[in-house]
Every structure is written in C-alpha cells, then in structure tokens.
Amino acid sequence: MIIKKLSELKPGEAGVIVDTHGSGWMRKRMLDMGVTKSAPVVFKKSAPLGDPIEVSLRGYELSLRKSEADLVDVEVKA
C-alpha cells in the first residue's frame, strides 16, 4: 500500500482516506463534506491548470482546491 496526498492521484486512481490534516474551520469544513477516515475516494479529473480537482466521495462528486486536497492522505493499492 502507498500513501499519497489526494492532490497527487491521477485520474481514475482510487484509494481510502487515512488522515485529514489542517485545523480549525478548514478541518471542520472537510469533515462536513464527508472527507473522513476510511472513506473510499476516486480521483475523477482536474481543471486544465490543475486547480480545482474533482473526486467521487460517498456517492457524490466533490470539487476541492488543490491546497485543500494537499491536506488529505489517501492509501492507494499498488
């Protein structure tokens, strides 16, 4: 198993969230959006310049800024 930041995944790559960094309102916002430990996530696509990115999480499509996705560690099957 490999640990990567959510922002480092390639389109179609999937994994499971293992940790969410950050503090205060940012951490609360991520948790409110369903970005929690053991949630499966699939990287869908990124904008032409790489920001924002779109992931599939808990049955819906979620767009995150690259700076937000940098706060999420994902375990990817090799």
N, C-alpha and C. Protein backbone atom coordinates (compact mmCIF):
# COMPACT_ATOMS: atom_id res chain seq x y z
N MET A 1 0.83 -1.18 0.00
CA MET A 1 0.00 0.00 0.00
C MET A 1 0.89 1.25 0.00
N ILE A 2 0.44 2.25 -0.71
CA ILE A 2 1.17 3.50 -0.85
C ILE A 2 0.31 4.64 -0.29
N ILE A 3 0.91 5.55 0.46
CA ILE A 3 0.21 6.72 0.96
C ILE A 3 0.57 7.92 0.08
N LYS A 4 -0.44 8.58 -0.46
CA LYS A 4 -0.26 9.77 -1.30
C LYS A 4 -1.20 10.86 -0.81
N LYS A 5 -0.89 12.08 -1.18
CA LYS A 5 -1.83 13.17 -0.95
C LYS A 5 -2.93 13.06 -2.01
N LEU A 6 -4.12 13.45 -1.66
CA LEU A 6 -5.24 13.38 -2.60
C LEU A 6 -4.92 14.15 -3.88
N SER A 7 -4.21 15.24 -3.76
CA SER A 7 -3.85 16.06 -4.93
C SER A 7 -2.86 15.37 -5.86
N GLU A 8 -2.19 14.32 -5.40
CA GLU A 8 -1.18 13.61 -6.20
C GLU A 8 -1.75 12.46 -7.01
N LEU A 9 -3.02 12.11 -6.80
CA LEU A 9 -3.61 11.00 -7.53
C LEU A 9 -3.79 11.35 -8.99
N LYS A 10 -3.86 10.34 -9.83
CA LYS A 10 -4.09 10.51 -11.26
C LYS A 10 -5.56 10.18 -11.55
N PRO A 11 -6.10 10.69 -12.65
CA PRO A 11 -7.49 10.38 -12.99
C PRO A 11 -7.75 8.87 -13.03
N GLY A 12 -8.82 8.45 -12.36
CA GLY A 12 -9.18 7.04 -12.30
C GLY A 12 -8.58 6.30 -11.12
N GLU A 13 -7.59 6.88 -10.47
CA GLU A 13 -6.94 6.24 -9.33
C GLU A 13 -7.86 6.32 -8.11
N ALA A 14 -7.90 5.24 -7.34
CA ALA A 14 -8.79 5.17 -6.19
C ALA A 14 -8.02 4.79 -4.94
N GLY A 15 -8.60 5.10 -3.80
CA GLY A 15 -7.98 4.76 -2.53
C GLY A 15 -8.94 4.99 -1.38
N VAL A 16 -8.40 4.92 -0.19
CA VAL A 16 -9.16 5.12 1.03
C VAL A 16 -8.49 6.21 1.84
N ILE A 17 -9.27 7.14 2.34
CA ILE A 17 -8.72 8.25 3.14
C ILE A 17 -8.19 7.70 4.46
N VAL A 18 -6.95 8.03 4.79
CA VAL A 18 -6.35 7.57 6.05
C VAL A 18 -6.16 8.70 7.05
N ASP A 19 -6.10 9.95 6.59
CA ASP A 19 -5.92 11.06 7.53
C ASP A 19 -6.28 12.37 6.85
N THR A 20 -6.78 13.31 7.66
CA THR A 20 -7.07 14.66 7.20
C THR A 20 -6.33 15.62 8.10
N HIS A 21 -5.45 16.42 7.51
CA HIS A 21 -4.66 17.37 8.28
C HIS A 21 -5.38 18.71 8.33
N GLY A 22 -4.77 19.69 8.90
CA GLY A 22 -5.38 21.00 8.99
C GLY A 22 -6.02 21.19 10.36
N SER A 23 -6.50 22.39 10.59
CA SER A 23 -7.13 22.66 11.89
C SER A 23 -8.19 23.74 11.72
N GLY A 24 -8.95 23.94 12.77
CA GLY A 24 -9.95 24.99 12.78
C GLY A 24 -11.04 24.81 11.75
N TRP A 25 -11.42 25.93 11.13
CA TRP A 25 -12.54 25.90 10.18
C TRP A 25 -12.28 25.01 8.98
N MET A 26 -11.01 24.91 8.55
CA MET A 26 -10.70 24.07 7.38
C MET A 26 -10.97 22.60 7.69
N ARG A 27 -10.54 22.14 8.84
CA ARG A 27 -10.78 20.75 9.23
C ARG A 27 -12.28 20.48 9.35
N LYS A 28 -12.99 21.40 9.97
CA LYS A 28 -14.44 21.24 10.12
C LYS A 28 -15.12 21.20 8.76
N ARG A 29 -14.69 22.05 7.86
CA ARG A 29 -15.28 22.08 6.52
C ARG A 29 -15.07 20.75 5.79
N MET A 30 -13.86 20.21 5.89
CA MET A 30 -13.55 18.93 5.25
C MET A 30 -14.42 17.82 5.84
N LEU A 31 -14.54 17.78 7.15
CA LEU A 31 -15.36 16.75 7.80
C LEU A 31 -16.83 16.91 7.41
N ASP A 32 -17.32 18.13 7.33
CA ASP A 32 -18.71 18.38 6.92
C ASP A 32 -18.98 17.90 5.50
N MET A 33 -17.96 17.93 4.64
CA MET A 33 -18.12 17.47 3.26
C MET A 33 -17.98 15.95 3.14
N GLY A 34 -17.68 15.27 4.24
CA GLY A 34 -17.56 13.81 4.20
C GLY A 34 -16.16 13.30 3.99
N VAL A 35 -15.18 14.18 4.04
CA VAL A 35 -13.78 13.78 3.88
C VAL A 35 -13.29 13.28 5.24
N THR A 36 -13.55 12.01 5.52
CA THR A 36 -13.22 11.41 6.81
C THR A 36 -12.44 10.12 6.62
N LYS A 37 -11.80 9.67 7.69
CA LYS A 37 -11.02 8.42 7.65
C LYS A 37 -11.89 7.27 7.16
N SER A 38 -11.28 6.37 6.43
CA SER A 38 -11.85 5.13 5.88
C SER A 38 -12.90 5.35 4.79
N ALA A 39 -13.07 6.58 4.31
CA ALA A 39 -13.99 6.83 3.21
C ALA A 39 -13.30 6.54 1.88
N PRO A 40 -13.91 5.69 1.03
CA PRO A 40 -13.32 5.44 -0.29
C PRO A 40 -13.45 6.68 -1.17
N VAL A 41 -12.43 6.93 -1.97
CA VAL A 41 -12.41 8.10 -2.84
C VAL A 41 -11.80 7.73 -4.19
N VAL A 42 -12.35 8.32 -5.26
CA VAL A 42 -11.84 8.11 -6.62
C VAL A 42 -11.55 9.48 -7.23
N PHE A 43 -10.34 9.64 -7.74
CA PHE A 43 -9.96 10.89 -8.41
C PHE A 43 -10.59 10.87 -9.80
N LYS A 44 -11.42 11.86 -10.10
CA LYS A 44 -12.10 11.91 -11.40
C LYS A 44 -11.31 12.72 -12.43
N LYS A 45 -11.08 14.00 -12.12
CA LYS A 45 -10.39 14.86 -13.09
C LYS A 45 -9.91 16.12 -12.41
N SER A 46 -9.08 16.86 -13.12
CA SER A 46 -8.64 18.16 -12.63
C SER A 46 -8.84 19.19 -13.73
N ALA A 47 -8.91 20.44 -13.33
CA ALA A 47 -9.05 21.53 -14.28
C ALA A 47 -7.78 21.63 -15.13
N PRO A 48 -7.83 22.30 -16.27
CA PRO A 48 -6.66 22.38 -17.14
C PRO A 48 -5.37 22.84 -16.45
N LEU A 49 -5.46 23.73 -15.50
CA LEU A 49 -4.25 24.19 -14.80
C LEU A 49 -4.03 23.43 -13.49
N GLY A 50 -4.83 22.39 -13.25
CA GLY A 50 -4.63 21.54 -12.08
C GLY A 50 -5.38 21.97 -10.84
N ASP A 51 -6.16 23.04 -10.92
CA ASP A 51 -6.89 23.51 -9.74
C ASP A 51 -8.22 24.09 -10.18
N PRO A 52 -9.35 23.61 -9.74
CA PRO A 52 -9.59 22.61 -8.70
C PRO A 52 -9.54 21.18 -9.26
N ILE A 53 -9.73 20.22 -8.35
CA ILE A 53 -9.83 18.82 -8.75
C ILE A 53 -11.22 18.31 -8.40
N GLU A 54 -11.62 17.23 -9.06
CA GLU A 54 -12.93 16.63 -8.78
C GLU A 54 -12.72 15.18 -8.36
N VAL A 55 -13.35 14.80 -7.25
CA VAL A 55 -13.27 13.42 -6.76
C VAL A 55 -14.68 12.90 -6.53
N SER A 56 -14.80 11.59 -6.54
CA SER A 56 -16.05 10.93 -6.20
C SER A 56 -15.89 10.41 -4.77
N LEU A 57 -16.82 10.82 -3.90
CA LEU A 57 -16.71 10.52 -2.48
C LEU A 57 -18.10 10.32 -1.90
N ARG A 58 -18.34 9.18 -1.28
CA ARG A 58 -19.62 8.91 -0.62
C ARG A 58 -20.83 9.09 -1.53
N GLY A 59 -20.68 8.73 -2.79
CA GLY A 59 -21.80 8.77 -3.73
C GLY A 59 -22.06 10.12 -4.39
N TYR A 60 -21.16 11.07 -4.24
CA TYR A 60 -21.33 12.35 -4.92
C TYR A 60 -19.99 12.86 -5.43
N GLU A 61 -20.06 13.84 -6.34
CA GLU A 61 -18.87 14.44 -6.91
C GLU A 61 -18.52 15.68 -6.09
N LEU A 62 -17.27 15.79 -5.69
CA LEU A 62 -16.82 16.88 -4.85
C LEU A 62 -15.65 17.59 -5.52
N SER A 63 -15.72 18.90 -5.61
CA SER A 63 -14.61 19.70 -6.13
C SER A 63 -13.86 20.31 -4.97
N LEU A 64 -12.54 20.18 -5.00
CA LEU A 64 -11.67 20.72 -3.96
C LEU A 64 -10.55 21.53 -4.59
N ARG A 65 -10.14 22.56 -3.89
CA ARG A 65 -8.93 23.28 -4.31
C ARG A 65 -7.75 22.36 -4.08
N LYS A 66 -6.70 22.57 -4.85
CA LYS A 66 -5.51 21.74 -4.69
C LYS A 66 -4.94 21.89 -3.28
N SER A 67 -5.00 23.09 -2.72
CA SER A 67 -4.49 23.32 -1.36
C SER A 67 -5.29 22.52 -0.33
N GLU A 68 -6.58 22.32 -0.57
CA GLU A 68 -7.41 21.51 0.32
C GLU A 68 -7.07 20.03 0.15
N ALA A 69 -6.90 19.60 -1.09
CA ALA A 69 -6.58 18.20 -1.37
C ALA A 69 -5.20 17.83 -0.82
N ASP A 70 -4.31 18.80 -0.67
CA ASP A 70 -2.99 18.55 -0.08
C ASP A 70 -3.08 18.14 1.39
N LEU A 71 -4.20 18.43 2.03
CA LEU A 71 -4.38 18.12 3.45
C LEU A 71 -4.92 16.72 3.70
N VAL A 72 -5.20 15.97 2.62
CA VAL A 72 -5.82 14.65 2.75
C VAL A 72 -4.85 13.57 2.29
N ASP A 73 -4.57 12.60 3.19
CA ASP A 73 -3.72 11.45 2.85
C ASP A 73 -4.62 10.28 2.44
N VAL A 74 -4.23 9.63 1.34
CA VAL A 74 -5.02 8.53 0.79
C VAL A 74 -4.12 7.31 0.64
N GLU A 75 -4.63 6.15 1.05
CA GLU A 75 -3.93 4.88 0.85
C GLU A 75 -4.36 4.30 -0.48
N VAL A 76 -3.40 4.14 -1.38
CA VAL A 76 -3.66 3.65 -2.73
C VAL A 76 -3.09 2.24 -2.86
N LYS A 77 -3.86 1.35 -3.45
CA LYS A 77 -3.35 0.00 -3.70
C LYS A 77 -2.37 0.04 -4.86
N ALA A 78 -1.22 -0.56 -4.67
CA ALA A 78 -0.19 -0.53 -5.70
C ALA A 78 -0.46 -1.52 -6.79
